[in-house]
Amino acid sequence: MRRLGDLEAQIMDRLWSWGRPATVRELVDDLNKQRPLAYTTVLTVADILHGKGLLQRQKQGRAWRYEPTRSREAYTAALMQDALDVSPDRSSALAHFVERISQDEQEALRQALRSLTGDQPE
C-alpha cells in the first residue's frame, strides 16, 4: 500500500474525521477553505481513491457519496505492515521502530500485545 498523495490525504482525513459519507461537493466546499480546488480535480482524486479500494461510493441522486472502506488506524497498520514486508530482517526493523517511539507508545504497544495474547501484566 502506497502512502497517500497530498490531496488524497486531505480527502481521506476529512472523511475519517467526519465519520460519515460525503459528496464531492461537500469535500470541495471544505477543501476550498484552505486552497482553491476545482470540483473536477476532487472528483478525479475521489475516483482514484475508489479505484484503489480506499473509498466506497453509493449513488445518491446524480451524485456519489463516498466513504472510507477502512478506518484511519487500519490504513496506518497496512502501511506499517508494508514497511515491514520490505525488510529482510523484520525483528531488527521492529526493534529499531520500538527504539524510536515514545514511552507512552511503547506501553500502548505492550497493552495491544497483551490483549492479543491474553497475557496479564506482571
PDB file of N, CA and C in Angstrom:
ATOM      1  N   MET A   1       0.849  -1.178   0.000  1.00  0.00           N
ATOM      2  CA  MET A   1       0.000   0.000   0.000  1.00  0.00           C
ATOM      3  C   MET A   1       0.892   1.238   0.000  1.00  0.00           C
ATOM      4  N   ARG A   2       0.663   2.102  -0.952  1.00  0.00           N
ATOM      5  CA  ARG A   2       1.448   3.328  -1.036  1.00  0.00           C
ATOM      6  C   ARG A   2       0.870   4.392  -0.106  1.00  0.00           C
ATOM      7  N   ARG A   3       1.767   5.278   0.299  1.00  0.00           N
ATOM      8  CA  ARG A   3       1.309   6.434   1.076  1.00  0.00           C
ATOM      9  C   ARG A   3       0.415   7.283   0.184  1.00  0.00           C
ATOM     10  N   LEU A   4      -0.459   8.016   0.809  1.00  0.00           N
ATOM     11  CA  LEU A   4      -1.373   8.883   0.073  1.00  0.00           C
ATOM     12  C   LEU A   4      -0.663  10.138  -0.396  1.00  0.00           C
ATOM     13  N   GLY A   5      -1.054  10.622  -1.564  1.00  0.00           N
ATOM     14  CA  GLY A   5      -0.605  11.914  -2.031  1.00  0.00           C
ATOM     15  C   GLY A   5      -1.261  13.010  -1.200  1.00  0.00           C
ATOM     16  N   ASP A   6      -0.834  14.245  -1.396  1.00  0.00           N
ATOM     17  CA  ASP A   6      -1.320  15.367  -0.586  1.00  0.00           C
ATOM     18  C   ASP A   6      -2.842  15.515  -0.633  1.00  0.00           C
ATOM     19  N   LEU A   7      -3.414  15.603  -1.819  1.00  0.00           N
ATOM     20  CA  LEU A   7      -4.860  15.780  -1.926  1.00  0.00           C
ATOM     21  C   LEU A   7      -5.606  14.514  -1.505  1.00  0.00           C
ATOM     22  N   GLU A   8      -5.049  13.347  -1.824  1.00  0.00           N
ATOM     23  CA  GLU A   8      -5.659  12.101  -1.363  1.00  0.00           C
ATOM     24  C   GLU A   8      -5.747  12.091   0.161  1.00  0.00           C
ATOM     25  N   ALA A   9      -4.655  12.487   0.815  1.00  0.00           N
ATOM     26  CA  ALA A   9      -4.617  12.512   2.279  1.00  0.00           C
ATOM     27  C   ALA A   9      -5.623  13.507   2.842  1.00  0.00           C
ATOM     28  N   GLN A  10      -5.769  14.660   2.205  1.00  0.00           N
ATOM     29  CA  GLN A  10      -6.724  15.659   2.679  1.00  0.00           C
ATOM     30  C   GLN A  10      -8.164  15.144   2.562  1.00  0.00           C
ATOM     31  N   ILE A  11      -8.449  14.479   1.469  1.00  0.00           N
ATOM     32  CA  ILE A  11      -9.797  13.921   1.278  1.00  0.00           C
ATOM     33  C   ILE A  11     -10.064  12.834   2.313  1.00  0.00           C
ATOM     34  N   MET A  12      -9.117  11.917   2.460  1.00  0.00           N
ATOM     35  CA  MET A  12      -9.302  10.831   3.427  1.00  0.00           C
ATOM     36  C   MET A  12      -9.403  11.376   4.845  1.00  0.00           C
ATOM     37  N   ASP A  13      -8.589  12.370   5.171  1.00  0.00           N
ATOM     38  CA  ASP A  13      -8.627  12.950   6.511  1.00  0.00           C
ATOM     39  C   ASP A  13     -10.012  13.510   6.827  1.00  0.00           C
ATOM     40  N   ARG A  14     -10.592  14.207   5.875  1.00  0.00           N
ATOM     41  CA  ARG A  14     -11.930  14.753   6.104  1.00  0.00           C
ATOM     42  C   ARG A  14     -12.958  13.647   6.289  1.00  0.00           C
ATOM     43  N   LEU A  15     -12.913  12.659   5.432  1.00  0.00           N
ATOM     44  CA  LEU A  15     -13.900  11.576   5.534  1.00  0.00           C
ATOM     45  C   LEU A  15     -13.728  10.798   6.836  1.00  0.00           C
ATOM     46  N   TRP A  16     -12.489  10.530   7.241  1.00  0.00           N
ATOM     47  CA  TRP A  16     -12.265   9.857   8.516  1.00  0.00           C
ATOM     48  C   TRP A  16     -12.747  10.724   9.675  1.00  0.00           C
ATOM     49  N   SER A  17     -12.453  12.007   9.620  1.00  0.00           N
ATOM     50  CA  SER A  17     -12.848  12.917  10.707  1.00  0.00           C
ATOM     51  C   SER A  17     -14.357  13.074  10.790  1.00  0.00           C
ATOM     52  N   TRP A  18     -15.007  13.190   9.645  1.00  0.00           N
ATOM     53  CA  TRP A  18     -16.449  13.386   9.630  1.00  0.00           C
ATOM     54  C   TRP A  18     -17.200  12.131  10.066  1.00  0.00           C
ATOM     55  N   GLY A  19     -16.639  10.963   9.775  1.00  0.00           N
ATOM     56  CA  GLY A  19     -17.291   9.720  10.186  1.00  0.00           C
ATOM     57  C   GLY A  19     -18.607   9.450   9.488  1.00  0.00           C
ATOM     58  N   ARG A  20     -18.763   9.974   8.290  1.00  0.00           N
ATOM     59  CA  ARG A  20     -19.994   9.785   7.520  1.00  0.00           C
ATOM     60  C   ARG A  20     -19.664   9.903   6.037  1.00  0.00           C
ATOM     61  N   PRO A  21     -20.505   9.352   5.185  1.00  0.00           N
ATOM     62  CA  PRO A  21     -20.291   9.534   3.746  1.00  0.00           C
ATOM     63  C   PRO A  21     -20.463  11.002   3.361  1.00  0.00           C
ATOM     64  N   ALA A  22     -19.790  11.401   2.295  1.00  0.00           N
ATOM     65  CA  ALA A  22     -19.883  12.787   1.832  1.00  0.00           C
ATOM     66  C   ALA A  22     -19.811  12.823   0.310  1.00  0.00           C
ATOM     67  N   THR A  23     -20.411  13.851  -0.245  1.00  0.00           N
ATOM     68  CA  THR A  23     -20.351  14.063  -1.690  1.00  0.00           C
ATOM     69  C   THR A  23     -19.082  14.836  -2.038  1.00  0.00           C
ATOM     70  N   VAL A  24     -18.741  14.813  -3.305  1.00  0.00           N
ATOM     71  CA  VAL A  24     -17.599  15.590  -3.775  1.00  0.00           C
ATOM     72  C   VAL A  24     -17.847  17.075  -3.521  1.00  0.00           C
ATOM     73  N   ARG A  25     -19.076  17.530  -3.681  1.00  0.00           N
ATOM     74  CA  ARG A  25     -19.392  18.945  -3.431  1.00  0.00           C
ATOM     75  C   ARG A  25     -19.052  19.317  -1.991  1.00  0.00           C
ATOM     76  N   GLU A  26     -19.405  18.457  -1.027  1.00  0.00           N
ATOM     77  CA  GLU A  26     -19.082  18.731   0.373  1.00  0.00           C
ATOM     78  C   GLU A  26     -17.562  18.787   0.577  1.00  0.00           C
ATOM     79  N   LEU A  27     -16.862  17.865  -0.054  1.00  0.00           N
ATOM     80  CA  LEU A  27     -15.401  17.856   0.057  1.00  0.00           C
ATOM     81  C   LEU A  27     -14.796  19.113  -0.553  1.00  0.00           C
ATOM     82  N   VAL A  28     -15.258  19.473  -1.733  1.00  0.00           N
ATOM     83  CA  VAL A  28     -14.740  20.668  -2.411  1.00  0.00           C
ATOM     84  C   VAL A  28     -14.981  21.906  -1.557  1.00  0.00           C
ATOM     85  N   ASP A  29     -16.196  22.050  -1.052  1.00  0.00           N
ATOM     86  CA  ASP A  29     -16.515  23.232  -0.239  1.00  0.00           C
ATOM     87  C   ASP A  29     -15.606  23.329   0.981  1.00  0.00           C
ATOM     88  N   ASP A  30     -15.316  22.203   1.611  1.00  0.00           N
ATOM     89  CA  ASP A  30     -14.456  22.235   2.790  1.00  0.00           C
ATOM     90  C   ASP A  30     -12.989  22.449   2.406  1.00  0.00           C
ATOM     91  N   LEU A  31     -12.532  21.770   1.367  1.00  0.00           N
ATOM     92  CA  LEU A  31     -11.149  21.934   0.923  1.00  0.00           C
ATOM     93  C   LEU A  31     -10.862  23.352   0.446  1.00  0.00           C
ATOM     94  N   ASN A  32     -11.847  23.989  -0.157  1.00  0.00           N
ATOM     95  CA  ASN A  32     -11.659  25.340  -0.676  1.00  0.00           C
ATOM     96  C   ASN A  32     -11.484  26.384   0.426  1.00  0.00           C
ATOM     97  N   LYS A  33     -11.723  26.011   1.670  1.00  0.00           N
ATOM     98  CA  LYS A  33     -11.448  26.920   2.781  1.00  0.00           C
ATOM     99  C   LYS A  33      -9.945  27.124   2.954  1.00  0.00           C
ATOM    100  N   GLN A  34      -9.152  26.150   2.469  1.00  0.00           N
ATOM    101  CA  GLN A  34      -7.706  26.226   2.611  1.00  0.00           C
ATOM    102  C   GLN A  34      -7.003  26.602   1.316  1.00  0.00           C
ATOM    103  N   ARG A  35      -7.505  26.108   0.201  1.00  0.00           N
ATOM    104  CA  ARG A  35      -6.898  26.422  -1.098  1.00  0.00           C
ATOM    105  C   ARG A  35      -7.927  26.159  -2.182  1.00  0.00           C
ATOM    106  N   PRO A  36      -7.868  26.912  -3.264  1.00  0.00           N
ATOM    107  CA  PRO A  36      -8.854  26.725  -4.330  1.00  0.00           C
ATOM    108  C   PRO A  36      -8.591  25.437  -5.110  1.00  0.00           C
ATOM    109  N   LEU A  37      -9.640  24.639  -5.225  1.00  0.00           N
ATOM    110  CA  LEU A  37      -9.575  23.398  -5.988  1.00  0.00           C
ATOM    111  C   LEU A  37     -10.813  23.284  -6.861  1.00  0.00           C
ATOM    112  N   ALA A  38     -10.622  22.796  -8.056  1.00  0.00           N
ATOM    113  CA  ALA A  38     -11.748  22.600  -8.960  1.00  0.00           C
ATOM    114  C   ALA A  38     -12.524  21.353  -8.548  1.00  0.00           C
ATOM    115  N   TYR A  39     -13.817  21.405  -8.765  1.00  0.00           N
ATOM    116  CA  TYR A  39     -14.688  20.261  -8.487  1.00  0.00           C
ATOM    117  C   TYR A  39     -14.175  19.022  -9.214  1.00  0.00           C
ATOM    118  N   THR A  40     -13.791  19.187 -10.479  1.00  0.00           N
ATOM    119  CA  THR A  40     -13.352  18.040 -11.272  1.00  0.00           C
ATOM    120  C   THR A  40     -12.055  17.433 -10.726  1.00  0.00           C
ATOM    121  N   THR A  41     -11.204  18.248 -10.142  1.00  0.00           N
ATOM    122  CA  THR A  41      -9.966  17.740  -9.546  1.00  0.00           C
ATOM    123  C   THR A  41     -10.286  16.833  -8.368  1.00  0.00           C
ATOM    124  N   VAL A  42     -11.160  17.287  -7.483  1.00  0.00           N
ATOM    125  CA  VAL A  42     -11.534  16.499  -6.310  1.00  0.00           C
ATOM    126  C   VAL A  42     -12.288  15.240  -6.747  1.00  0.00           C
ATOM    127  N   LEU A  43     -13.158  15.372  -7.740  1.00  0.00           N
ATOM    128  CA  LEU A  43     -13.884  14.214  -8.271  1.00  0.00           C
ATOM    129  C   LEU A  43     -12.906  13.168  -8.803  1.00  0.00           C
ATOM    130  N   THR A  44     -11.914  13.608  -9.552  1.00  0.00           N
ATOM    131  CA  THR A  44     -10.924  12.691 -10.117  1.00  0.00           C
ATOM    132  C   THR A  44     -10.163  11.963  -9.012  1.00  0.00           C
ATOM    133  N   VAL A  45      -9.723  12.700  -7.997  1.00  0.00           N
ATOM    134  CA  VAL A  45      -8.953  12.091  -6.907  1.00  0.00           C
ATOM    135  C   VAL A  45      -9.842  11.141  -6.097  1.00  0.00           C
ATOM    136  N   ALA A  46     -11.092  11.508  -5.851  1.00  0.00           N
ATOM    137  CA  ALA A  46     -12.012  10.604  -5.150  1.00  0.00           C
ATOM    138  C   ALA A  46     -12.209   9.326  -5.960  1.00  0.00           C
ATOM    139  N   ASP A  47     -12.316   9.451  -7.267  1.00  0.00           N
ATOM    140  CA  ASP A  47     -12.466   8.284  -8.129  1.00  0.00           C
ATOM    141  C   ASP A  47     -11.207   7.408  -8.095  1.00  0.00           C
ATOM    142  N   ILE A  48     -10.048   8.034  -8.049  1.00  0.00           N
ATOM    143  CA  ILE A  48      -8.784   7.289  -7.935  1.00  0.00           C
ATOM    144  C   ILE A  48      -8.750   6.523  -6.609  1.00  0.00           C
ATOM    145  N   LEU A  49      -9.142   7.186  -5.521  1.00  0.00           N
ATOM    146  CA  LEU A  49      -9.186   6.527  -4.213  1.00  0.00           C
ATOM    147  C   LEU A  49     -10.174   5.360  -4.223  1.00  0.00           C
ATOM    148  N   HIS A  50     -11.275   5.532  -4.923  1.00  0.00           N
ATOM    149  CA  HIS A  50     -12.243   4.440  -5.081  1.00  0.00           C
ATOM    150  C   HIS A  50     -11.604   3.288  -5.850  1.00  0.00           C
ATOM    151  N   GLY A  51     -10.902   3.602  -6.910  1.00  0.00           N
ATOM    152  CA  GLY A  51     -10.224   2.579  -7.699  1.00  0.00           C
ATOM    153  C   GLY A  51      -9.154   1.834  -6.919  1.00  0.00           C
ATOM    154  N   LYS A  52      -8.525   2.511  -5.971  1.00  0.00           N
ATOM    155  CA  LYS A  52      -7.501   1.889  -5.128  1.00  0.00           C
ATOM    156  C   LYS A  52      -8.125   1.059  -4.003  1.00  0.00           C
ATOM    157  N   GLY A  53      -9.439   1.137  -3.880  1.00  0.00           N
ATOM    158  CA  GLY A  53     -10.115   0.387  -2.832  1.00  0.00           C
ATOM    159  C   GLY A  53     -10.157   1.075  -1.488  1.00  0.00           C
ATOM    160  N   LEU A  54      -9.787   2.359  -1.436  1.00  0.00           N
ATOM    161  CA  LEU A  54      -9.796   3.095  -0.167  1.00  0.00           C
ATOM    162  C   LEU A  54     -11.136   3.755   0.116  1.00  0.00           C
ATOM    163  N   LEU A  55     -11.917   3.993  -0.935  1.00  0.00           N
ATOM    164  CA  LEU A  55     -13.244   4.568  -0.770  1.00  0.00           C
ATOM    165  C   LEU A  55     -14.277   3.668  -1.432  1.00  0.00           C
ATOM    166  N   GLN A  56     -15.432   3.620  -0.824  1.00  0.00           N
ATOM    167  CA  GLN A  56     -16.592   3.018  -1.487  1.00  0.00           C
ATOM    168  C   GLN A  56     -17.548   4.159  -1.801  1.00  0.00           C
ATOM    169  N   ARG A  57     -18.399   3.930  -2.758  1.00  0.00           N
ATOM    170  CA  ARG A  57     -19.318   5.007  -3.127  1.00  0.00           C
ATOM    171  C   ARG A  57     -20.693   4.428  -3.394  1.00  0.00           C
ATOM    172  N   GLN A  58     -21.668   5.290  -3.165  1.00  0.00           N
ATOM    173  CA  GLN A  58     -23.055   4.921  -3.398  1.00  0.00           C
ATOM    174  C   GLN A  58     -23.736   6.102  -4.072  1.00  0.00           C
ATOM    175  N   LYS A  59     -24.490   5.809  -5.088  1.00  0.00           N
ATOM    176  CA  LYS A  59     -25.179   6.862  -5.845  1.00  0.00           C
ATOM    177  C   LYS A  59     -26.316   7.431  -5.004  1.00  0.00           C
ATOM    178  N   GLN A  60     -26.388   8.751  -4.971  1.00  0.00           N
ATOM    179  CA  GLN A  60     -27.494   9.442  -4.319  1.00  0.00           C
ATOM    180  C   GLN A  60     -27.945  10.539  -5.279  1.00  0.00           C
ATOM    181  N   GLY A  61     -29.061  10.314  -5.941  1.00  0.00           N
ATOM    182  CA  GLY A  61     -29.486  11.238  -6.979  1.00  0.00           C
ATOM    183  C   GLY A  61     -28.479  11.192  -8.107  1.00  0.00           C
ATOM    184  N   ARG A  62     -27.942  12.346  -8.464  1.00  0.00           N
ATOM    185  CA  ARG A  62     -26.939  12.410  -9.525  1.00  0.00           C
ATOM    186  C   ARG A  62     -25.511  12.382  -8.992  1.00  0.00           C
ATOM    187  N   ALA A  63     -25.365  12.408  -7.679  1.00  0.00           N
ATOM    188  CA  ALA A  63     -24.030  12.482  -7.065  1.00  0.00           C
ATOM    189  C   ALA A  63     -23.653  11.161  -6.409  1.00  0.00           C
ATOM    190  N   TRP A  64     -22.354  10.968  -6.256  1.00  0.00           N
ATOM    191  CA  TRP A  64     -21.831   9.842  -5.485  1.00  0.00           C
ATOM    192  C   TRP A  64     -21.566  10.306  -4.065  1.00  0.00           C
ATOM    193  N   ARG A  65     -21.844   9.451  -3.118  1.00  0.00           N
ATOM    194  CA  ARG A  65     -21.466   9.672  -1.718  1.00  0.00           C
ATOM    195  C   ARG A  65     -20.327   8.711  -1.419  1.00  0.00           C
ATOM    196  N   TYR A  66     -19.216   9.264  -0.976  1.00  0.00           N
ATOM    197  CA  TYR A  66     -18.005   8.478  -0.730  1.00  0.00           C
ATOM    198  C   TYR A  66     -17.796   8.277   0.769  1.00  0.00           C
ATOM    199  N   GLU A  67     -17.266   7.101   1.110  1.00  0.00           N
ATOM    200  CA  GLU A  67     -16.856   6.856   2.492  1.00  0.00           C
ATOM    201  C   GLU A  67     -15.687   5.874   2.496  1.00  0.00           C
ATOM    202  N   PRO A  68     -14.828   5.979   3.510  1.00  0.00           N
ATOM    203  CA  PRO A  68     -13.659   5.094   3.574  1.00  0.00           C
ATOM    204  C   PRO A  68     -14.070   3.628   3.727  1.00  0.00           C
ATOM    205  N   THR A  69     -13.262   2.756   3.147  1.00  0.00           N
ATOM    206  CA  THR A  69     -13.501   1.320   3.281  1.00  0.00           C
ATOM    207  C   THR A  69     -12.851   0.768   4.540  1.00  0.00           C
ATOM    208  N   ARG A  70     -11.954   1.535   5.139  1.00  0.00           N
ATOM    209  CA  ARG A  70     -11.284   1.118   6.370  1.00  0.00           C
ATOM    210  C   ARG A  70     -11.017   2.348   7.223  1.00  0.00           C
ATOM    211  N   SER A  71     -10.778   2.125   8.482  1.00  0.00           N
ATOM    212  CA  SER A  71     -10.500   3.222   9.405  1.00  0.00           C
ATOM    213  C   SER A  71      -9.103   3.784   9.158  1.00  0.00           C
ATOM    214  N   ARG A  72      -8.874   4.960   9.700  1.00  0.00           N
ATOM    215  CA  ARG A  72      -7.542   5.571   9.635  1.00  0.00           C
ATOM    216  C   ARG A  72      -6.512   4.635  10.269  1.00  0.00           C
ATOM    217  N   GLU A  73      -6.898   4.018  11.382  1.00  0.00           N
ATOM    218  CA  GLU A  73      -5.983   3.127  12.093  1.00  0.00           C
ATOM    219  C   GLU A  73      -5.662   1.880  11.268  1.00  0.00           C
ATOM    220  N   ALA A  74      -6.662   1.333  10.586  1.00  0.00           N
ATOM    221  CA  ALA A  74      -6.434   0.158   9.733  1.00  0.00           C
ATOM    222  C   ALA A  74      -5.537   0.525   8.551  1.00  0.00           C
ATOM    223  N   TYR A  75      -5.719   1.712   8.000  1.00  0.00           N
ATOM    224  CA  TYR A  75      -4.849   2.180   6.912  1.00  0.00           C
ATOM    225  C   TYR A  75      -3.410   2.315   7.404  1.00  0.00           C
ATOM    226  N   THR A  76      -3.240   2.917   8.579  1.00  0.00           N
ATOM    227  CA  THR A  76      -1.907   3.093   9.151  1.00  0.00           C
ATOM    228  C   THR A  76      -1.256   1.738   9.412  1.00  0.00           C
ATOM    229  N   ALA A  77      -2.021   0.790   9.923  1.00  0.00           N
ATOM    230  CA  ALA A  77      -1.490  -0.554  10.174  1.00  0.00           C
ATOM    231  C   ALA A  77      -1.034  -1.207   8.871  1.00  0.00           C
ATOM    232  N   ALA A  78      -1.781  -1.005   7.798  1.00  0.00           N
ATOM    233  CA  ALA A  78      -1.398  -1.564   6.498  1.00  0.00           C
ATOM    234  C   ALA A  78      -0.088  -0.946   6.004  1.00  0.00           C
ATOM    235  N   LEU A  79       0.096   0.350   6.226  1.00  0.00           N
ATOM    236  CA  LEU A  79       1.363   0.996   5.859  1.00  0.00           C
ATOM    237  C   LEU A  79       2.519   0.408   6.662  1.00  0.00           C
ATOM    238  N   MET A  80       2.287   0.198   7.945  1.00  0.00           N
ATOM    239  CA  MET A  80       3.324  -0.368   8.794  1.00  0.00           C
ATOM    240  C   MET A  80       3.664  -1.791   8.342  1.00  0.00           C
ATOM    241  N   GLN A  81       2.654  -2.564   7.988  1.00  0.00           N
ATOM    242  CA  GLN A  81       2.881  -3.927   7.508  1.00  0.00           C
ATOM    243  C   GLN A  81       3.701  -3.911   6.223  1.00  0.00           C
ATOM    244  N   ASP A  82       3.362  -3.005   5.320  1.00  0.00           N
ATOM    245  CA  ASP A  82       4.111  -2.897   4.069  1.00  0.00           C
ATOM    246  C   ASP A  82       5.567  -2.524   4.323  1.00  0.00           C
ATOM    247  N   ALA A  83       5.787  -1.632   5.288  1.00  0.00           N
ATOM    248  CA  ALA A  83       7.159  -1.247   5.616  1.00  0.00           C
ATOM    249  C   ALA A  83       7.932  -2.452   6.146  1.00  0.00           C
ATOM    250  N   LEU A  84       7.308  -3.268   6.968  1.00  0.00           N
ATOM    251  CA  LEU A  84       7.967  -4.473   7.472  1.00  0.00           C
ATOM    252  C   LEU A  84       8.237  -5.476   6.358  1.00  0.00           C
ATOM    253  N   ASP A  85       7.325  -5.547   5.406  1.00  0.00           N
ATOM    254  CA  ASP A  85       7.445  -6.528   4.320  1.00  0.00           C
ATOM    255  C   ASP A  85       8.688  -6.308   3.452  1.00  0.00           C
ATOM    256  N   VAL A  86       9.199  -5.086   3.412  1.00  0.00           N
ATOM    257  CA  VAL A  86      10.370  -4.827   2.571  1.00  0.00           C
ATOM    258  C   VAL A  86      11.686  -5.082   3.311  1.00  0.00           C
ATOM    259  N   SER A  87      11.618  -5.348   4.602  1.00  0.00           N
ATOM    260  CA  SER A  87      12.835  -5.592   5.373  1.00  0.00           C
ATOM    261  C   SER A  87      13.159  -7.081   5.397  1.00  0.00           C
ATOM    262  N   PRO A  88      14.410  -7.433   5.086  1.00  0.00           N
ATOM    263  CA  PRO A  88      14.790  -8.843   5.177  1.00  0.00           C
ATOM    264  C   PRO A  88      14.926  -9.310   6.634  1.00  0.00           C
ATOM    265  N   ASP A  89      15.075  -8.357   7.562  1.00  0.00           N
ATOM    266  CA  ASP A  89      15.211  -8.688   8.983  1.00  0.00           C
ATOM    267  C   ASP A  89      14.109  -7.963   9.757  1.00  0.00           C
ATOM    268  N   ARG A  90      12.941  -8.565   9.766  1.00  0.00           N
ATOM    269  CA  ARG A  90      11.770  -7.928  10.394  1.00  0.00           C
ATOM    270  C   ARG A  90      11.979  -7.680  11.882  1.00  0.00           C
ATOM    271  N   SER A  91      12.622  -8.612  12.574  1.00  0.00           N
ATOM    272  CA  SER A  91      12.860  -8.438  14.011  1.00  0.00           C
ATOM    273  C   SER A  91      13.702  -7.203  14.286  1.00  0.00           C
ATOM    274  N   SER A  92      14.740  -7.024  13.506  1.00  0.00           N
ATOM    275  CA  SER A  92      15.593  -5.853  13.674  1.00  0.00           C
ATOM    276  C   SER A  92      14.835  -4.570  13.338  1.00  0.00           C
ATOM    277  N   ALA A  93      14.031  -4.615  12.274  1.00  0.00           N
ATOM    278  CA  ALA A  93      13.234  -3.437  11.906  1.00  0.00           C
ATOM    279  C   ALA A  93      12.268  -3.078  13.028  1.00  0.00           C
ATOM    280  N   LEU A  94      11.628  -4.092  13.618  1.00  0.00           N
ATOM    281  CA  LEU A  94      10.715  -3.839  14.737  1.00  0.00           C
ATOM    282  C   LEU A  94      11.462  -3.257  15.941  1.00  0.00           C
ATOM    283  N   ALA A  95      12.645  -3.790  16.220  1.00  0.00           N
ATOM    284  CA  ALA A  95      13.431  -3.286  17.350  1.00  0.00           C
ATOM    285  C   ALA A  95      13.801  -1.819  17.133  1.00  0.00           C
ATOM    286  N   HIS A  96      14.207  -1.473  15.921  1.00  0.00           N
ATOM    287  CA  HIS A  96      14.540  -0.071  15.616  1.00  0.00           C
ATOM    288  C   HIS A  96      13.306   0.819  15.748  1.00  0.00           C
ATOM    289  N   PHE A  97      12.173   0.313  15.314  1.00  0.00           N
ATOM    290  CA  PHE A  97      10.925   1.072  15.438  1.00  0.00           C
ATOM    291  C   PHE A  97      10.610   1.346  16.902  1.00  0.00           C
ATOM    292  N   VAL A  98      10.694   0.313  17.731  1.00  0.00           N
ATOM    293  CA  VAL A  98      10.360   0.463  19.150  1.00  0.00           C
ATOM    294  C   VAL A  98      11.322   1.433  19.833  1.00  0.00           C
ATOM    295  N   GLU A  99      12.579   1.440  19.422  1.00  0.00           N
ATOM    296  CA  GLU A  99      13.550   2.377  19.993  1.00  0.00           C
ATOM    297  C   GLU A  99      13.174   3.830  19.703  1.00  0.00           C
ATOM    298  N   ARG A 100      12.472   4.055  18.619  1.00  0.00           N
ATOM    299  CA  ARG A 100      12.175   5.434  18.188  1.00  0.00           C
ATOM    300  C   ARG A 100      10.851   5.965  18.708  1.00  0.00           C
ATOM    301  N   ILE A 101       9.998   5.102  19.251  1.00  0.00           N
ATOM    302  CA  ILE A 101       8.704   5.586  19.723  1.00  0.00           C
ATOM    303  C   ILE A 101       8.798   5.983  21.192  1.00  0.00           C
ATOM    304  N   SER A 102       7.854   6.792  21.623  1.00  0.00           N
ATOM    305  CA  SER A 102       7.857   7.301  22.997  1.00  0.00           C
ATOM    306  C   SER A 102       7.532   6.189  24.001  1.00  0.00           C
ATOM    307  N   GLN A 103       7.787   6.487  25.263  1.00  0.00           N
ATOM    308  CA  GLN A 103       7.456   5.532  26.326  1.00  0.00           C
ATOM    309  C   GLN A 103       5.954   5.229  26.335  1.00  0.00           C
ATOM    310  N   ASP A 104       5.131   6.258  26.132  1.00  0.00           N
ATOM    311  CA  ASP A 104       3.676   6.050  26.098  1.00  0.00           C
ATOM    312  C   ASP A 104       3.280   5.139  24.942  1.00  0.00           C
ATOM    313  N   GLU A 105       3.928   5.329  23.793  1.00  0.00           N
ATOM    314  CA  GLU A 105       3.633   4.474  22.637  1.00  0.00           C
ATOM    315  C   GLU A 105       4.120   3.046  22.875  1.00  0.00           C
ATOM    316  N   GLN A 106       5.269   2.908  23.552  1.00  0.00           N
ATOM    317  CA  GLN A 106       5.755   1.570  23.889  1.00  0.00           C
ATOM    318  C   GLN A 106       4.773   0.859  24.819  1.00  0.00           C
ATOM    319  N   GLU A 107       4.252   1.594  25.783  1.00  0.00           N
ATOM    320  CA  GLU A 107       3.278   0.990  26.705  1.00  0.00           C
ATOM    321  C   GLU A 107       1.990   0.621  25.967  1.00  0.00           C
ATOM    322  N   ALA A 108       1.563   1.459  25.041  1.00  0.00           N
ATOM    323  CA  ALA A 108       0.375   1.137  24.239  1.00  0.00           C
ATOM    324  C   ALA A 108       0.618  -0.133  23.420  1.00  0.00           C
ATOM    325  N   LEU A 109       1.833  -0.278  22.909  1.00  0.00           N
ATOM    326  CA  LEU A 109       2.193  -1.480  22.149  1.00  0.00           C
ATOM    327  C   LEU A 109       2.170  -2.708  23.065  1.00  0.00           C
ATOM    328  N   ARG A 110       2.718  -2.577  24.258  1.00  0.00           N
ATOM    329  CA  ARG A 110       2.679  -3.694  25.223  1.00  0.00           C
ATOM    330  C   ARG A 110       1.243  -4.095  25.522  1.00  0.00           C
ATOM    331  N   GLN A 111       0.391  -3.108  25.747  1.00  0.00           N
ATOM    332  CA  GLN A 111      -1.012  -3.399  26.052  1.00  0.00           C
ATOM    333  C   GLN A 111      -1.702  -4.081  24.875  1.00  0.00           C
ATOM    334  N   ALA A 112      -1.410  -3.617  23.664  1.00  0.00           N
ATOM    335  CA  ALA A 112      -2.002  -4.242  22.481  1.00  0.00           C
ATOM    336  C   ALA A 112      -1.559  -5.697  22.365  1.00  0.00           C
ATOM    337  N   LEU A 113      -0.275  -5.952  22.602  1.00  0.00           N
ATOM    338  CA  LEU A 113       0.230  -7.329  22.538  1.00  0.00           C
ATOM    339  C   LEU A 113      -0.392  -8.198  23.619  1.00  0.00           C
ATOM    340  N   ARG A 114      -0.526  -7.656  24.833  1.00  0.00           N
ATOM    341  CA  ARG A 114      -1.159  -8.420  25.916  1.00  0.00           C
ATOM    342  C   ARG A 114      -2.606  -8.749  25.574  1.00  0.00           C
ATOM    343  N   SER A 115      -3.318  -7.803  24.988  1.00  0.00           N
ATOM    344  CA  SER A 115      -4.726  -8.055  24.668  1.00  0.00           C
ATOM    345  C   SER A 115      -4.867  -9.123  23.584  1.00  0.00           C
ATOM    346  N   LEU A 116      -3.889  -9.211  22.689  1.00  0.00           N
ATOM    347  CA  LEU A 116      -3.927 -10.226  21.646  1.00  0.00           C
ATOM    348  C   LEU A 116      -3.569 -11.618  22.178  1.00  0.00           C
ATOM    349  N   THR A 117      -2.665 -11.657  23.133  1.00  0.00           N
ATOM    350  CA  THR A 117      -2.208 -12.945  23.656  1.00  0.00           C
ATOM    351  C   THR A 117      -2.951 -13.379  24.912  1.00  0.00           C
ATOM    352  N   GLY A 118      -3.700 -12.464  25.516  1.00  0.00           N
ATOM    353  CA  GLY A 118      -4.427 -12.785  26.740  1.00  0.00           C
ATOM    354  C   GLY A 118      -3.544 -12.747  27.964  1.00  0.00           C
ATOM    355  N   ASP A 119      -2.300 -12.287  27.818  1.00  0.00           N
ATOM    356  CA  ASP A 119      -1.385 -12.195  28.966  1.00  0.00           C
ATOM    357  C   ASP A 119      -1.784 -11.049  29.868  1.00  0.00           C
ATOM    358  N   GLN A 120      -1.510 -11.230  31.143  1.00  0.00           N
ATOM    359  CA  GLN A 120      -1.766 -10.182  32.124  1.00  0.00           C
ATOM    360  C   GLN A 120      -0.441  -9.532  32.500  1.00  0.00           C
ATOM    361  N   PRO A 121      -0.451  -8.216  32.801  1.00  0.00           N
ATOM    362  CA  PRO A 121       0.792  -7.554  33.204  1.00  0.00           C
ATOM    363  C   PRO A 121       1.330  -8.166  34.494  1.00  0.00           C
ATOM    364  N   GLU A 122       2.650  -8.158  34.603  1.00  0.00           N
ATOM    365  CA  GLU A 122       3.285  -8.731  35.810  1.00  0.00           C
ATOM    366  C   GLU A 122       3.360  -7.745  36.921  1.00  0.00           C
TER     367      GLU A 122
END
